[in-house]
Structures are given as structure tokens and as C-alpha cells.
N, C-alpha and C. Protein backbone atom coordinates (compact mmCIF):
# COMPACT_ATOMS: atom_id res chain seq x y z
N MET A 1 -15.97 0.76 -29.18
CA MET A 1 -17.14 0.66 -27.94
C MET A 1 -16.31 -0.25 -26.19
N ALA A 2 -16.57 -1.99 -26.84
CA ALA A 2 -15.53 -2.43 -25.90
C ALA A 2 -14.44 -1.85 -25.36
N HIS A 3 -13.42 -1.88 -26.75
CA HIS A 3 -12.42 -1.92 -26.14
C HIS A 3 -12.02 -0.66 -25.29
N ARG A 4 -12.93 0.65 -25.34
CA ARG A 4 -12.85 1.89 -24.50
C ARG A 4 -13.94 1.08 -22.96
N HIS A 5 -14.02 0.16 -22.83
CA HIS A 5 -14.42 0.05 -21.16
C HIS A 5 -13.49 -0.81 -20.83
N LEU A 6 -13.33 -2.15 -21.66
CA LEU A 6 -11.80 -3.16 -21.89
C LEU A 6 -10.83 -1.93 -21.06
N VAL A 7 -10.29 -1.33 -21.28
CA VAL A 7 -9.32 -0.17 -21.17
C VAL A 7 -9.68 0.89 -19.82
N ILE A 8 -10.82 0.84 -19.46
CA ILE A 8 -11.12 2.10 -18.28
C ILE A 8 -11.11 0.83 -17.37
N ALA A 9 -11.65 -0.70 -17.27
CA ALA A 9 -11.99 -1.65 -16.62
C ALA A 9 -10.16 -1.80 -15.49
N TYR A 10 -9.22 -1.45 -16.39
CA TYR A 10 -7.86 -2.15 -16.23
C TYR A 10 -7.16 -1.00 -15.71
N VAL A 11 -7.79 0.35 -16.01
CA VAL A 11 -7.42 1.31 -15.35
C VAL A 11 -8.03 2.01 -13.73
N ILE A 12 -8.83 1.08 -13.59
CA ILE A 12 -10.05 1.19 -12.46
C ILE A 12 -9.03 0.39 -11.09
N THR A 13 -8.41 -0.81 -12.30
CA THR A 13 -7.83 -1.71 -11.50
C THR A 13 -6.63 -1.53 -10.96
N TRP A 14 -6.48 -0.83 -11.57
CA TRP A 14 -4.80 -0.82 -12.19
C TRP A 14 -4.87 0.89 -10.26
N VAL A 15 -4.99 1.77 -10.52
CA VAL A 15 -5.23 2.58 -9.81
C VAL A 15 -5.30 1.80 -8.00
N ILE A 16 -6.62 0.71 -8.24
CA ILE A 16 -7.07 -0.13 -7.00
C ILE A 16 -5.76 -0.16 -6.29
N GLN A 17 -4.54 -0.99 -7.06
CA GLN A 17 -4.13 -1.67 -6.56
C GLN A 17 -3.12 -0.65 -6.23
N LEU A 18 -2.49 0.09 -7.25
CA LEU A 18 -1.75 0.96 -6.45
C LEU A 18 -2.15 1.73 -5.49
N GLY A 19 -3.17 2.65 -5.30
CA GLY A 19 -3.43 2.92 -3.68
C GLY A 19 -3.67 2.11 -2.83
N TYR A 20 -3.68 0.99 -2.61
CA TYR A 20 -3.70 -0.45 -1.71
C TYR A 20 -1.97 -0.65 -1.17
N LEU A 21 -0.90 -0.90 -2.91
CA LEU A 21 -0.09 -0.82 -2.31
C LEU A 21 0.19 0.27 -1.84
N GLY A 22 0.09 1.75 -1.62
CA GLY A 22 0.63 3.08 -1.00
C GLY A 22 0.80 2.74 0.49
N TRP A 23 -1.22 2.46 0.47
CA TRP A 23 -1.29 2.63 1.75
C TRP A 23 -0.79 2.08 2.61
N VAL A 24 -0.54 0.48 1.32
CA VAL A 24 0.12 -0.83 3.06
C VAL A 24 1.75 0.03 3.52
N GLY A 25 2.54 0.52 2.65
CA GLY A 25 3.49 1.13 2.52
C GLY A 25 3.60 2.70 3.42
N MET A 26 2.68 3.64 3.63
CA MET A 26 2.70 3.49 4.90
C MET A 26 2.04 3.30 5.45
N LYS A 27 1.39 2.49 5.75
CA LYS A 27 0.90 1.44 7.23
C LYS A 27 2.75 1.04 8.19
N TRP A 28 3.39 0.15 6.47
CA TRP A 28 4.40 0.17 7.17
C TRP A 28 5.63 0.56 6.98
N ALA A 29 5.34 1.99 6.81
CA ALA A 29 6.69 2.29 7.41
C ALA A 29 6.60 3.22 8.56
N ALA A 30 4.80 3.04 8.67
CA ALA A 30 4.51 4.06 10.64
C ALA A 30 5.55 2.98 11.55
N VAL A 31 4.86 1.60 11.59
CA VAL A 31 4.85 0.57 11.89
C VAL A 31 6.75 0.49 12.24
N ARG A 32 8.14 0.46 11.31
CA ARG A 32 8.75 0.23 11.10
C ARG A 32 10.18 1.59 12.22
N LYS A 33 9.59 2.65 11.81
CA LYS A 33 9.27 4.43 13.14
C LYS A 33 8.67 3.52 14.03
N ASP A 34 7.83 3.30 14.58
CA ASP A 34 7.52 2.66 16.13
C ASP A 34 8.54 1.56 16.50
N GLU A 35 8.54 0.55 15.77
CA GLU A 35 9.87 -0.43 16.27
C GLU A 35 11.11 0.52 16.58
N GLN A 36 11.53 1.34 15.68
CA GLN A 36 12.84 2.53 15.64
C GLN A 36 12.83 2.69 17.19
N ARG A 37 11.40 3.37 17.13
CA ARG A 37 11.29 4.68 18.76
C ARG A 37 10.89 3.57 19.74
N THR A 38 10.56 2.13 20.05
CA THR A 38 10.31 1.47 21.15
C THR A 38 10.76 0.25 20.02
N PRO A 39 11.59 -0.80 20.68
CA PRO A 39 11.78 -2.05 20.15
C PRO A 39 11.04 -3.07 20.92
N ALA A 40 10.98 -3.72 20.21
CA ALA A 40 9.15 -4.87 20.31
C ALA A 40 10.05 -5.59 21.14
N TYR A 41 11.22 -6.16 20.84
CA TYR A 41 12.37 -6.55 22.26
C TYR A 41 13.18 -5.46 22.79
N PRO A 42 13.35 -5.20 24.20
CA PRO A 42 14.29 -4.71 24.33
C PRO A 42 15.13 -4.58 25.71
N GLU A 43 16.83 -4.89 24.80
CA GLU A 43 17.15 -5.23 25.13
C GLU A 43 17.75 -4.96 26.88
N LYS A 44 18.10 -6.93 27.71
CA LYS A 44 18.37 -6.76 28.88
C LYS A 44 19.15 -6.43 29.58
């Protein structure tokens, strides 16, 4: 019984971490796409 709870806790932890990693990746991709469209430091 205790082993099953430990496995469930690890699975939940990994799901949260991978979900957060995916969220950060999507935000990073959006920022990168926006910077390619309008550069932060335009050429003079």
C-alpha cells in the first residue's frame, strides 16, 4: 500500500514538472517568434 502511494506521488510530481516545462517552452517559443517579427534592437 505504501509503495503504491509513493509511485503515485512520483507520477504526479513528474506530470507537474513536465507540464511546467511544456508551458515554459510554449512561452519561450512565443517570445522568440515575436522577437523575430519585431527585433528588440532594430538596426539603425
